[in-house]
């Protein structure tokens, strides 16, 4: 099945139905293939634990993230005073 990114929003039920029927969905943007969604049953059975994932601990050495609450507050702080 081919689907545009607009179809992802407007026809998501049909896309999920195609995946349930073991069909892959090709994502097309402006006439060019951008990606493929494959059914979960078609994925390899090998899984890895979260702690072994390459992204796990990638910010381990960032000193500004030691205080997570403070970091989030700084990010959410208004950028301009009213």
PDB file of N, CA and C in Angstrom:
ATOM      1  N   UNK A   1       0.846  -1.170   0.000  1.00  0.00           N
ATOM      2  CA  UNK A   1       0.000   0.000   0.000  1.00  0.00           C
ATOM      3  C   UNK A   1       0.894   1.236   0.000  1.00  0.00           C
ATOM      4  N   UNK A   2       0.508   2.241  -0.758  1.00  0.00           N
ATOM      5  CA  UNK A   2       1.190   3.528  -0.748  1.00  0.00           C
ATOM      6  C   UNK A   2       0.340   4.528   0.016  1.00  0.00           C
ATOM      7  N   UNK A   3       0.987   5.377   0.795  1.00  0.00           N
ATOM      8  CA  UNK A   3       0.269   6.381   1.565  1.00  0.00           C
ATOM      9  C   UNK A   3       1.113   7.646   1.643  1.00  0.00           C
ATOM     10  N   UNK A   4       0.439   8.775   1.633  1.00  0.00           N
ATOM     11  CA  UNK A   4       1.121  10.046   1.812  1.00  0.00           C
ATOM     12  C   UNK A   4       1.108  10.388   3.305  1.00  0.00           C
ATOM     13  N   UNK A   5       1.835  11.431   3.668  1.00  0.00           N
ATOM     14  CA  UNK A   5       1.839  11.839   5.064  1.00  0.00           C
ATOM     15  C   UNK A   5       0.480  12.397   5.481  1.00  0.00           C
ATOM     16  N   UNK A   6      -0.252  12.943   4.542  1.00  0.00           N
ATOM     17  CA  UNK A   6      -1.612  13.389   4.837  1.00  0.00           C
ATOM     18  C   UNK A   6      -2.497  12.181   5.140  1.00  0.00           C
ATOM     19  N   UNK A   7      -2.268  11.076   4.418  1.00  0.00           N
ATOM     20  CA  UNK A   7      -3.017   9.854   4.689  1.00  0.00           C
ATOM     21  C   UNK A   7      -2.759   9.346   6.104  1.00  0.00           C
ATOM     22  N   UNK A   8      -1.550   9.559   6.605  1.00  0.00           N
ATOM     23  CA  UNK A   8      -1.263   9.134   7.976  1.00  0.00           C
ATOM     24  C   UNK A   8      -2.209   9.807   8.957  1.00  0.00           C
ATOM     25  N   UNK A   9      -2.530  11.064   8.691  1.00  0.00           N
ATOM     26  CA  UNK A   9      -3.450  11.795   9.564  1.00  0.00           C
ATOM     27  C   UNK A   9      -4.898  11.442   9.286  1.00  0.00           C
ATOM     28  N   UNK A  10      -5.266  11.450   8.018  1.00  0.00           N
ATOM     29  CA  UNK A  10      -6.685  11.340   7.666  1.00  0.00           C
ATOM     30  C   UNK A  10      -7.177   9.899   7.520  1.00  0.00           C
ATOM     31  N   UNK A  11      -6.292   8.970   7.136  1.00  0.00           N
ATOM     32  CA  UNK A  11      -6.711   7.591   6.872  1.00  0.00           C
ATOM     33  C   UNK A  11      -5.903   6.600   7.703  1.00  0.00           C
ATOM     34  N   UNK A  12      -5.594   6.973   8.925  1.00  0.00           N
ATOM     35  CA  UNK A  12      -4.753   6.114   9.750  1.00  0.00           C
ATOM     36  C   UNK A  12      -5.386   4.746   9.997  1.00  0.00           C
ATOM     37  N   UNK A  13      -6.708   4.705  10.063  1.00  0.00           N
ATOM     38  CA  UNK A  13      -7.394   3.434  10.292  1.00  0.00           C
ATOM     39  C   UNK A  13      -7.133   2.465   9.138  1.00  0.00           C
ATOM     40  N   UNK A  14      -7.150   2.974   7.907  1.00  0.00           N
ATOM     41  CA  UNK A  14      -6.888   2.125   6.742  1.00  0.00           C
ATOM     42  C   UNK A  14      -5.436   1.637   6.734  1.00  0.00           C
ATOM     43  N   UNK A  15      -4.529   2.482   7.197  1.00  0.00           N
ATOM     44  CA  UNK A  15      -3.126   2.089   7.247  1.00  0.00           C
ATOM     45  C   UNK A  15      -2.922   0.994   8.288  1.00  0.00           C
ATOM     46  N   UNK A  16      -3.541   1.148   9.449  1.00  0.00           N
ATOM     47  CA  UNK A  16      -3.447   0.115  10.485  1.00  0.00           C
ATOM     48  C   UNK A  16      -4.077  -1.182   9.995  1.00  0.00           C
ATOM     49  N   UNK A  17      -5.172  -1.077   9.267  1.00  0.00           N
ATOM     50  CA  UNK A  17      -5.827  -2.267   8.718  1.00  0.00           C
ATOM     51  C   UNK A  17      -4.891  -2.988   7.748  1.00  0.00           C
ATOM     52  N   UNK A  18      -4.180  -2.230   6.914  1.00  0.00           N
ATOM     53  CA  UNK A  18      -3.224  -2.842   5.978  1.00  0.00           C
ATOM     54  C   UNK A  18      -2.102  -3.542   6.743  1.00  0.00           C
ATOM     55  N   UNK A  19      -1.630  -2.933   7.824  1.00  0.00           N
ATOM     56  CA  UNK A  19      -0.595  -3.564   8.634  1.00  0.00           C
ATOM     57  C   UNK A  19      -1.121  -4.830   9.304  1.00  0.00           C
ATOM     58  N   UNK A  20      -2.392  -4.803   9.726  1.00  0.00           N
ATOM     59  CA  UNK A  20      -3.007  -6.001  10.305  1.00  0.00           C
ATOM     60  C   UNK A  20      -3.079  -7.136   9.295  1.00  0.00           C
ATOM     61  N   UNK A  21      -3.195  -6.795   8.022  1.00  0.00           N
ATOM     62  CA  UNK A  21      -3.257  -7.798   6.962  1.00  0.00           C
ATOM     63  C   UNK A  21      -1.853  -8.162   6.464  1.00  0.00           C
ATOM     64  N   UNK A  22      -0.850  -7.803   7.232  1.00  0.00           N
ATOM     65  CA  UNK A  22       0.544  -8.134   6.952  1.00  0.00           C
ATOM     66  C   UNK A  22       1.081  -7.477   5.684  1.00  0.00           C
ATOM     67  N   UNK A  23       0.566  -6.308   5.335  1.00  0.00           N
ATOM     68  CA  UNK A  23       1.061  -5.544   4.196  1.00  0.00           C
ATOM     69  C   UNK A  23       1.994  -4.457   4.700  1.00  0.00           C
ATOM     70  N   UNK A  24       3.010  -4.146   3.920  1.00  0.00           N
ATOM     71  CA  UNK A  24       3.856  -3.010   4.275  1.00  0.00           C
ATOM     72  C   UNK A  24       3.256  -1.757   3.654  1.00  0.00           C
ATOM     73  N   UNK A  25       3.523  -0.608   4.257  1.00  0.00           N
ATOM     74  CA  UNK A  25       2.989   0.671   3.795  1.00  0.00           C
ATOM     75  C   UNK A  25       4.167   1.561   3.397  1.00  0.00           C
ATOM     76  N   UNK A  26       4.166   1.990   2.132  1.00  0.00           N
ATOM     77  CA  UNK A  26       5.217   2.860   1.626  1.00  0.00           C
ATOM     78  C   UNK A  26       4.778   4.301   1.790  1.00  0.00           C
ATOM     79  N   UNK A  27       5.596   5.095   2.488  1.00  0.00           N
ATOM     80  CA  UNK A  27       5.280   6.508   2.698  1.00  0.00           C
ATOM     81  C   UNK A  27       5.863   7.332   1.562  1.00  0.00           C
ATOM     82  N   UNK A  28       4.995   8.135   0.943  1.00  0.00           N
ATOM     83  CA  UNK A  28       5.390   8.935  -0.210  1.00  0.00           C
ATOM     84  C   UNK A  28       5.178  10.404   0.123  1.00  0.00           C
ATOM     85  N   UNK A  29       6.180  11.222  -0.187  1.00  0.00           N
ATOM     86  CA  UNK A  29       6.088  12.665   0.019  1.00  0.00           C
ATOM     87  C   UNK A  29       6.489  13.347  -1.276  1.00  0.00           C
ATOM     88  N   UNK A  30       5.543  14.075  -1.857  1.00  0.00           N
ATOM     89  CA  UNK A  30       5.757  14.757  -3.130  1.00  0.00           C
ATOM     90  C   UNK A  30       6.280  13.822  -4.214  1.00  0.00           C
ATOM     91  N   UNK A  31       5.707  12.643  -4.256  1.00  0.00           N
ATOM     92  CA  UNK A  31       6.038  11.683  -5.298  1.00  0.00           C
ATOM     93  C   UNK A  31       7.283  10.854  -5.052  1.00  0.00           C
ATOM     94  N   UNK A  32       7.986  11.109  -3.954  1.00  0.00           N
ATOM     95  CA  UNK A  32       9.212  10.366  -3.658  1.00  0.00           C
ATOM     96  C   UNK A  32       9.003   9.500  -2.425  1.00  0.00           C
ATOM     97  N   UNK A  33       9.501   8.288  -2.494  1.00  0.00           N
ATOM     98  CA  UNK A  33       9.406   7.383  -1.361  1.00  0.00           C
ATOM     99  C   UNK A  33      10.311   7.866  -0.247  1.00  0.00           C
ATOM    100  N   UNK A  34       9.733   8.030   0.942  1.00  0.00           N
ATOM    101  CA  UNK A  34      10.495   8.506   2.095  1.00  0.00           C
ATOM    102  C   UNK A  34      10.709   7.426   3.150  1.00  0.00           C
ATOM    103  N   UNK A  35       9.892   6.393   3.147  1.00  0.00           N
ATOM    104  CA  UNK A  35      10.056   5.350   4.146  1.00  0.00           C
ATOM    105  C   UNK A  35       9.047   4.242   3.951  1.00  0.00           C
ATOM    106  N   UNK A  36       9.225   3.194   4.737  1.00  0.00           N
ATOM    107  CA  UNK A  36       8.332   2.043   4.675  1.00  0.00           C
ATOM    108  C   UNK A  36       7.976   1.647   6.102  1.00  0.00           C
ATOM    109  N   UNK A  37       6.690   1.444   6.328  1.00  0.00           N
ATOM    110  CA  UNK A  37       6.217   0.922   7.612  1.00  0.00           C
ATOM    111  C   UNK A  37       5.929  -0.554   7.404  1.00  0.00           C
ATOM    112  N   UNK A  38       6.559  -1.384   8.225  1.00  0.00           N
ATOM    113  CA  UNK A  38       6.356  -2.826   8.092  1.00  0.00           C
ATOM    114  C   UNK A  38       5.579  -3.338   9.295  1.00  0.00           C
ATOM    115  N   UNK A  39       4.806  -4.392   9.120  1.00  0.00           N
ATOM    116  CA  UNK A  39       4.067  -4.962  10.240  1.00  0.00           C
ATOM    117  C   UNK A  39       5.029  -5.486  11.304  1.00  0.00           C
ATOM    118  N   UNK A  40       4.623  -5.423  12.553  1.00  0.00           N
ATOM    119  CA  UNK A  40       5.469  -5.884  13.651  1.00  0.00           C
ATOM    120  C   UNK A  40       5.779  -7.365  13.529  1.00  0.00           C
ATOM    121  N   UNK A  41       4.886  -8.126  12.925  1.00  0.00           N
ATOM    122  CA  UNK A  41       5.139  -9.556  12.762  1.00  0.00           C
ATOM    123  C   UNK A  41       6.277  -9.807  11.786  1.00  0.00           C
ATOM    124  N   UNK A  42       6.595  -8.822  10.940  1.00  0.00           N
ATOM    125  CA  UNK A  42       7.683  -8.977   9.991  1.00  0.00           C
ATOM    126  C   UNK A  42       9.034  -8.587  10.544  1.00  0.00           C
ATOM    127  N   UNK A  43       9.060  -8.084  11.778  1.00  0.00           N
ATOM    128  CA  UNK A  43      10.324  -7.694  12.387  1.00  0.00           C
ATOM    129  C   UNK A  43      11.056  -8.914  12.898  1.00  0.00           C
ATOM    130  N   UNK A  44      12.360  -8.844  12.944  1.00  0.00           N
ATOM    131  CA  UNK A  44      13.110  -9.972  13.497  1.00  0.00           C
ATOM    132  C   UNK A  44      12.753 -10.187  14.960  1.00  0.00           C
ATOM    133  N   UNK A  45      12.779 -11.420  15.407  1.00  0.00           N
ATOM    134  CA  UNK A  45      12.394 -11.748  16.774  1.00  0.00           C
ATOM    135  C   UNK A  45      13.405 -11.334  17.819  1.00  0.00           C
ATOM    136  N   UNK A  46      14.601 -10.973  17.398  1.00  0.00           N
ATOM    137  CA  UNK A  46      15.645 -10.616  18.351  1.00  0.00           C
ATOM    138  C   UNK A  46      15.358  -9.250  18.965  1.00  0.00           C
ATOM    139  N   UNK A  47      15.330  -9.195  20.272  1.00  0.00           N
ATOM    140  CA  UNK A  47      15.151  -7.925  20.966  1.00  0.00           C
ATOM    141  C   UNK A  47      16.338  -7.724  21.896  1.00  0.00           C
ATOM    142  N   UNK A  48      16.614  -6.463  22.196  1.00  0.00           N
ATOM    143  CA  UNK A  48      17.693  -6.167  23.130  1.00  0.00           C
ATOM    144  C   UNK A  48      17.105  -5.426  24.313  1.00  0.00           C
ATOM    145  N   UNK A  49      17.782  -5.538  25.442  1.00  0.00           N
ATOM    146  CA  UNK A  49      17.291  -4.831  26.616  1.00  0.00           C
ATOM    147  C   UNK A  49      17.572  -3.341  26.460  1.00  0.00           C
ATOM    148  N   UNK A  50      16.839  -2.534  27.175  1.00  0.00           N
ATOM    149  CA  UNK A  50      16.982  -1.082  27.077  1.00  0.00           C
ATOM    150  C   UNK A  50      18.395  -0.659  27.464  1.00  0.00           C
ATOM    151  N   UNK A  51      18.954  -1.283  28.474  1.00  0.00           N
ATOM    152  CA  UNK A  51      20.285  -0.892  28.930  1.00  0.00           C
ATOM    153  C   UNK A  51      21.368  -1.210  27.905  1.00  0.00           C
ATOM    154  N   UNK A  52      21.097  -2.079  26.949  1.00  0.00           N
ATOM    155  CA  UNK A  52      22.071  -2.407  25.917  1.00  0.00           C
ATOM    156  C   UNK A  52      21.853  -1.597  24.636  1.00  0.00           C
ATOM    157  N   UNK A  53      20.795  -0.792  24.607  1.00  0.00           N
ATOM    158  CA  UNK A  53      20.518   0.024  23.419  1.00  0.00           C
ATOM    159  C   UNK A  53      21.605   1.091  23.272  1.00  0.00           C
ATOM    160  N   UNK A  54      22.040   1.383  22.036  1.00  0.00           N
ATOM    161  CA  UNK A  54      23.115   2.358  21.833  1.00  0.00           C
ATOM    162  C   UNK A  54      22.806   3.751  22.381  1.00  0.00           C
ATOM    163  N   UNK A  55      21.540   4.126  22.457  1.00  0.00           N
ATOM    164  CA  UNK A  55      21.189   5.459  22.941  1.00  0.00           C
ATOM    165  C   UNK A  55      21.167   5.543  24.471  1.00  0.00           C
ATOM    166  N   UNK A  56      21.183   4.414  25.150  1.00  0.00           N
ATOM    167  CA  UNK A  56      21.101   4.406  26.608  1.00  0.00           C
ATOM    168  C   UNK A  56      22.373   5.005  27.195  1.00  0.00           C
ATOM    169  N   UNK A  57      22.214   6.024  28.009  1.00  0.00           N
ATOM    170  CA  UNK A  57      23.343   6.646  28.680  1.00  0.00           C
ATOM    171  C   UNK A  57      24.160   7.595  27.820  1.00  0.00           C
ATOM    172  N   UNK A  58      23.615   8.024  26.690  1.00  0.00           N
ATOM    173  CA  UNK A  58      24.406   8.868  25.795  1.00  0.00           C
ATOM    174  C   UNK A  58      24.660  10.259  26.376  1.00  0.00           C
ATOM    175  N   UNK A  59      23.853  10.675  27.349  1.00  0.00           N
ATOM    176  CA  UNK A  59      24.063  11.983  27.983  1.00  0.00           C
ATOM    177  C   UNK A  59      24.619  11.816  29.389  1.00  0.00           C
ATOM    178  N   UNK A  60      25.186  10.700  29.668  1.00  0.00           N
ATOM    179  CA  UNK A  60      25.669  10.355  30.999  1.00  0.00           C
ATOM    180  C   UNK A  60      26.665  11.392  31.528  1.00  0.00           C
ATOM    181  N   UNK A  61      27.494  11.913  30.671  1.00  0.00           N
ATOM    182  CA  UNK A  61      28.566  12.795  31.112  1.00  0.00           C
ATOM    183  C   UNK A  61      28.230  14.280  31.030  1.00  0.00           C
ATOM    184  N   UNK A  62      26.979  14.618  30.741  1.00  0.00           N
ATOM    185  CA  UNK A  62      26.592  16.032  30.683  1.00  0.00           C
ATOM    186  C   UNK A  62      26.302  16.540  32.086  1.00  0.00           C
ATOM    187  N   UNK A  63      27.101  17.492  32.533  1.00  0.00           N
ATOM    188  CA  UNK A  63      26.968  18.019  33.893  1.00  0.00           C
ATOM    189  C   UNK A  63      25.670  18.798  34.086  1.00  0.00           C
ATOM    190  N   UNK A  64      25.154  19.421  33.014  1.00  0.00           N
ATOM    191  CA  UNK A  64      23.930  20.216  33.162  1.00  0.00           C
ATOM    192  C   UNK A  64      22.682  19.351  33.330  1.00  0.00           C
ATOM    193  N   UNK A  65      22.791  18.045  33.123  1.00  0.00           N
ATOM    194  CA  UNK A  65      21.630  17.160  33.267  1.00  0.00           C
ATOM    195  C   UNK A  65      21.627  16.380  34.575  1.00  0.00           C
ATOM    196  N   UNK A  66      22.555  16.678  35.439  1.00  0.00           N
ATOM    197  CA  UNK A  66      22.564  15.997  36.739  1.00  0.00           C
ATOM    198  C   UNK A  66      21.294  16.344  37.512  1.00  0.00           C
ATOM    199  N   UNK A  67      20.909  17.629  37.494  1.00  0.00           N
ATOM    200  CA  UNK A  67      19.658  18.069  38.118  1.00  0.00           C
ATOM    201  C   UNK A  67      18.608  18.177  37.014  1.00  0.00           C
ATOM    202  N   UNK A  68      17.866  17.103  36.782  1.00  0.00           N
ATOM    203  CA  UNK A  68      16.903  17.050  35.685  1.00  0.00           C
ATOM    204  C   UNK A  68      15.801  18.078  35.866  1.00  0.00           C
ATOM    205  N   UNK A  69      15.279  18.204  37.071  1.00  0.00           N
ATOM    206  CA  UNK A  69      14.203  19.169  37.332  1.00  0.00           C
ATOM    207  C   UNK A  69      14.651  20.595  37.009  1.00  0.00           C
ATOM    208  N   UNK A  70      15.849  20.952  37.440  1.00  0.00           N
ATOM    209  CA  UNK A  70      16.382  22.274  37.144  1.00  0.00           C
ATOM    210  C   UNK A  70      16.585  22.498  35.654  1.00  0.00           C
ATOM    211  N   UNK A  71      17.049  21.450  34.961  1.00  0.00           N
ATOM    212  CA  UNK A  71      17.245  21.557  33.519  1.00  0.00           C
ATOM    213  C   UNK A  71      15.924  21.829  32.808  1.00  0.00           C
ATOM    214  N   UNK A  72      14.884  21.085  33.178  1.00  0.00           N
ATOM    215  CA  UNK A  72      13.568  21.264  32.541  1.00  0.00           C
ATOM    216  C   UNK A  72      13.029  22.655  32.840  1.00  0.00           C
ATOM    217  N   UNK A  73      13.194  23.134  34.058  1.00  0.00           N
ATOM    218  CA  UNK A  73      12.727  24.484  34.392  1.00  0.00           C
ATOM    219  C   UNK A  73      13.450  25.541  33.570  1.00  0.00           C
ATOM    220  N   UNK A  74      14.750  25.381  33.372  1.00  0.00           N
ATOM    221  CA  UNK A  74      15.497  26.338  32.549  1.00  0.00           C
ATOM    222  C   UNK A  74      15.037  26.298  31.095  1.00  0.00           C
ATOM    223  N   UNK A  75      14.747  25.119  30.581  1.00  0.00           N
ATOM    224  CA  UNK A  75      14.292  24.994  29.202  1.00  0.00           C
ATOM    225  C   UNK A  75      12.915  25.620  29.028  1.00  0.00           C
ATOM    226  N   UNK A  76      12.055  25.462  30.008  1.00  0.00           N
ATOM    227  CA  UNK A  76      10.687  25.969  29.907  1.00  0.00           C
ATOM    228  C   UNK A  76      10.561  27.445  30.290  1.00  0.00           C
ATOM    229  N   UNK A  77      11.609  28.016  30.838  1.00  0.00           N
ATOM    230  CA  UNK A  77      11.560  29.417  31.286  1.00  0.00           C
ATOM    231  C   UNK A  77      11.292  30.343  30.092  1.00  0.00           C
ATOM    232  N   UNK A  78      10.542  31.398  30.365  1.00  0.00           N
ATOM    233  CA  UNK A  78      10.257  32.351  29.294  1.00  0.00           C
ATOM    234  C   UNK A  78      11.550  32.947  28.758  1.00  0.00           C
ATOM    235  N   UNK A  79      11.588  33.120  27.479  1.00  0.00           N
ATOM    236  CA  UNK A  79      12.795  33.639  26.859  1.00  0.00           C
ATOM    237  C   UNK A  79      12.855  35.159  26.892  1.00  0.00           C
ATOM    238  N   UNK A  80      11.698  35.799  26.970  1.00  0.00           N
ATOM    239  CA  UNK A  80      11.641  37.247  26.976  1.00  0.00           C
ATOM    240  C   UNK A  80      10.759  37.717  28.125  1.00  0.00           C
ATOM    241  N   UNK A  81      11.214  38.690  28.838  1.00  0.00           N
ATOM    242  CA  UNK A  81      10.402  39.257  29.921  1.00  0.00           C
ATOM    243  C   UNK A  81       9.301  40.125  29.316  1.00  0.00           C
ATOM    244  N   UNK A  82       8.137  40.082  29.912  1.00  0.00           N
ATOM    245  CA  UNK A  82       7.015  40.863  29.393  1.00  0.00           C
ATOM    246  C   UNK A  82       7.042  42.261  29.894  1.00  0.00           C
TER     247      UNK A  82
END
